[in-house]
Amino acid sequence: MEEHKEIEPESLPRWITIPLGLILIPFTLLCVIGSSVILLAPNIPRSFLTVLLGSLFLAGSLWVFYLSFRLVFVNPKGKSKFINPIGLRIIAVVFAAIPLISLILGSFWEKPIIHSIMAIAYIGIVIKFWSLANHRKCHS
């Protein structure tokens, strides 16, 4: 009996995957927004078919958005298939910017109690991502 080896395709170099991911992320984000609008639009009559198709489109566009995000943050030649420490820190900075942008734009003061709770949650997410990045950096 012949032993079969899994043949993995040659992965693209990082200088191709990062720009490709940066190009695809905005387009796939628009697809996610458009798919969610199909589900939430008030002028579309609700039926089983529209909810089913809208959910399928949303699931597919979320999946493609995730794959395009992975092009930027995951090294295909790395041992781990998770997001690397630099990517985790970038995501943490984005979560840290959300409450600050809310303060700058003034939307924080419209509902200060809810936005305070959300800011605490965002700070918790930032701390978790940052500690996870430090943990992965030490163990890699």
Protein backbone atom coordinates (compact mmCIF):
# COMPACT_ATOMS: atom_id res chain seq x y z
CA MET A 1 0.00 0.00 0.00
CA GLU A 2 1.32 3.35 -1.00
CA GLU A 3 1.69 6.06 1.58
CA HIS A 4 -0.04 9.23 0.59
CA LYS A 5 1.51 12.51 1.59
CA GLU A 6 -0.60 15.59 1.82
CA ILE A 7 0.55 18.02 -0.77
CA GLU A 8 0.18 21.57 0.45
CA PRO A 9 0.16 24.33 -2.09
CA GLU A 10 3.02 26.78 -1.95
CA SER A 11 1.91 29.79 0.10
CA LEU A 12 2.26 33.28 -1.25
CA PRO A 13 4.98 35.54 0.16
CA ARG A 14 4.04 38.12 2.80
CA TRP A 15 4.75 41.03 0.46
CA ILE A 16 1.82 39.80 -1.65
CA THR A 17 -0.62 38.68 1.06
CA ILE A 18 -0.50 41.87 3.16
CA PRO A 19 -1.31 44.32 0.31
CA LEU A 20 -3.89 41.88 -1.06
CA GLY A 21 -5.57 41.71 2.35
CA LEU A 22 -5.48 45.49 2.70
CA ILE A 23 -7.20 45.81 -0.68
CA LEU A 24 -9.82 43.14 0.06
CA ILE A 25 -10.76 44.21 3.60
CA PRO A 26 -12.71 47.39 2.62
CA PHE A 27 -14.59 45.61 -0.17
CA THR A 28 -15.52 42.66 2.00
CA LEU A 29 -16.55 45.03 4.80
CA LEU A 30 -18.94 46.71 2.36
CA CYS A 31 -20.32 43.27 1.51
CA VAL A 32 -20.91 42.56 5.22
CA ILE A 33 -22.68 45.90 5.64
CA GLY A 34 -24.78 45.34 2.51
CA SER A 35 -25.73 41.83 3.60
CA SER A 36 -26.77 43.03 7.03
CA VAL A 37 -28.85 45.80 5.46
CA ILE A 38 -30.79 43.13 3.55
CA LEU A 39 -31.79 41.61 6.89
CA LEU A 40 -32.55 44.91 8.60
CA ALA A 41 -34.13 46.98 5.81
CA PRO A 42 -37.67 48.05 6.74
CA ASN A 43 -38.96 48.22 3.14
CA ILE A 44 -38.24 44.55 2.36
CA PRO A 45 -41.17 42.30 3.31
CA ARG A 46 -40.22 39.62 5.81
CA SER A 47 -40.60 36.08 4.59
CA PHE A 48 -38.78 32.83 5.15
CA LEU A 49 -36.96 33.18 1.82
CA THR A 50 -35.70 36.73 2.39
CA VAL A 51 -34.47 35.91 5.90
CA LEU A 52 -32.81 32.71 4.66
CA LEU A 53 -31.08 34.41 1.71
CA GLY A 54 -30.07 37.41 3.79
CA SER A 55 -28.59 35.13 6.44
CA LEU A 56 -26.71 33.11 3.83
CA PHE A 57 -25.32 36.27 2.23
CA LEU A 58 -24.32 37.64 5.63
CA ALA A 59 -22.62 34.38 6.67
CA GLY A 60 -20.75 34.18 3.36
CA SER A 61 -19.62 37.78 3.44
CA LEU A 62 -18.49 37.44 7.08
CA TRP A 63 -16.50 34.36 6.12
CA VAL A 64 -14.79 36.16 3.21
CA PHE A 65 -14.14 39.19 5.46
CA TYR A 66 -12.47 36.88 7.97
CA LEU A 67 -10.33 35.31 5.25
CA SER A 68 -9.23 38.70 3.93
CA PHE A 69 -8.41 39.76 7.49
CA ARG A 70 -6.26 36.65 7.89
CA LEU A 71 -4.23 37.64 4.83
CA VAL A 72 -2.96 40.64 6.76
CA PHE A 73 -2.52 39.25 10.27
CA VAL A 74 -1.64 35.55 9.91
CA ASN A 75 1.67 34.34 8.56
CA PRO A 76 0.94 31.26 6.42
CA LYS A 77 4.43 29.87 7.03
CA GLY A 78 4.18 30.26 10.79
CA LYS A 79 3.58 27.40 13.19
CA SER A 80 0.46 28.95 14.64
CA LYS A 81 -2.67 29.59 12.65
CA PHE A 82 -3.74 32.32 15.06
CA ILE A 83 -3.18 36.03 14.84
CA ASN A 84 0.42 36.99 15.60
CA PRO A 85 1.33 39.31 18.53
CA ILE A 86 1.64 42.40 16.33
CA GLY A 87 -1.84 41.79 14.92
CA LEU A 88 -3.26 41.37 18.41
CA ARG A 89 -1.74 44.67 19.47
CA ILE A 90 -3.18 46.42 16.41
CA ILE A 91 -6.63 45.05 17.22
CA ALA A 92 -6.19 46.18 20.84
CA VAL A 93 -5.34 49.70 19.70
CA VAL A 94 -8.49 49.77 17.55
CA PHE A 95 -10.59 48.75 20.57
CA ALA A 96 -8.84 51.41 22.66
CA ALA A 97 -9.64 54.04 20.04
CA ILE A 98 -13.40 53.37 20.08
CA PRO A 99 -14.13 55.08 23.45
CA LEU A 100 -11.75 57.93 22.61
CA ILE A 101 -13.48 58.56 19.29
CA SER A 102 -16.83 58.45 21.10
CA LEU A 103 -15.58 61.17 23.45
CA ILE A 104 -14.18 63.29 20.63
CA LEU A 105 -17.35 63.06 18.54
CA GLY A 106 -19.57 63.78 21.54
CA SER A 107 -21.72 60.68 21.24
CA PHE A 108 -20.48 59.58 24.67
CA TRP A 109 -22.52 62.31 26.36
CA GLU A 110 -25.81 61.28 24.72
CA LYS A 111 -26.03 58.14 26.90
CA PRO A 112 -23.18 58.39 29.41
CA ILE A 113 -24.13 55.36 31.53
CA ILE A 114 -24.34 52.93 28.61
CA HIS A 115 -21.22 54.37 26.98
CA SER A 116 -19.32 54.14 30.28
CA ILE A 117 -20.19 50.44 30.58
CA MET A 118 -19.15 49.93 26.96
CA ALA A 119 -15.88 51.82 27.57
CA ILE A 120 -15.10 49.53 30.52
CA ALA A 121 -15.79 46.51 28.32
CA TYR A 122 -13.53 47.90 25.57
CA ILE A 123 -10.74 48.52 28.08
CA GLY A 124 -11.12 44.93 29.28
CA ILE A 125 -10.85 43.70 25.69
CA VAL A 126 -7.74 45.84 25.18
CA ILE A 127 -6.11 44.44 28.31
CA LYS A 128 -6.96 40.86 27.29
CA PHE A 129 -5.63 41.26 23.72
CA TRP A 130 -2.47 42.97 24.96
CA SER A 131 -1.77 40.24 27.54
CA LEU A 132 -2.49 37.56 24.94
CA ALA A 133 -0.01 39.25 22.59
CA ASN A 134 2.63 39.30 25.35
CA HIS A 135 1.96 35.64 26.13
CA ARG A 136 2.30 34.62 22.48
CA LYS A 137 5.47 36.66 22.06
CA CYS A 138 7.09 34.94 25.06
CA HIS A 139 6.12 31.43 23.91
CA SER A 140 7.06 31.74 20.27
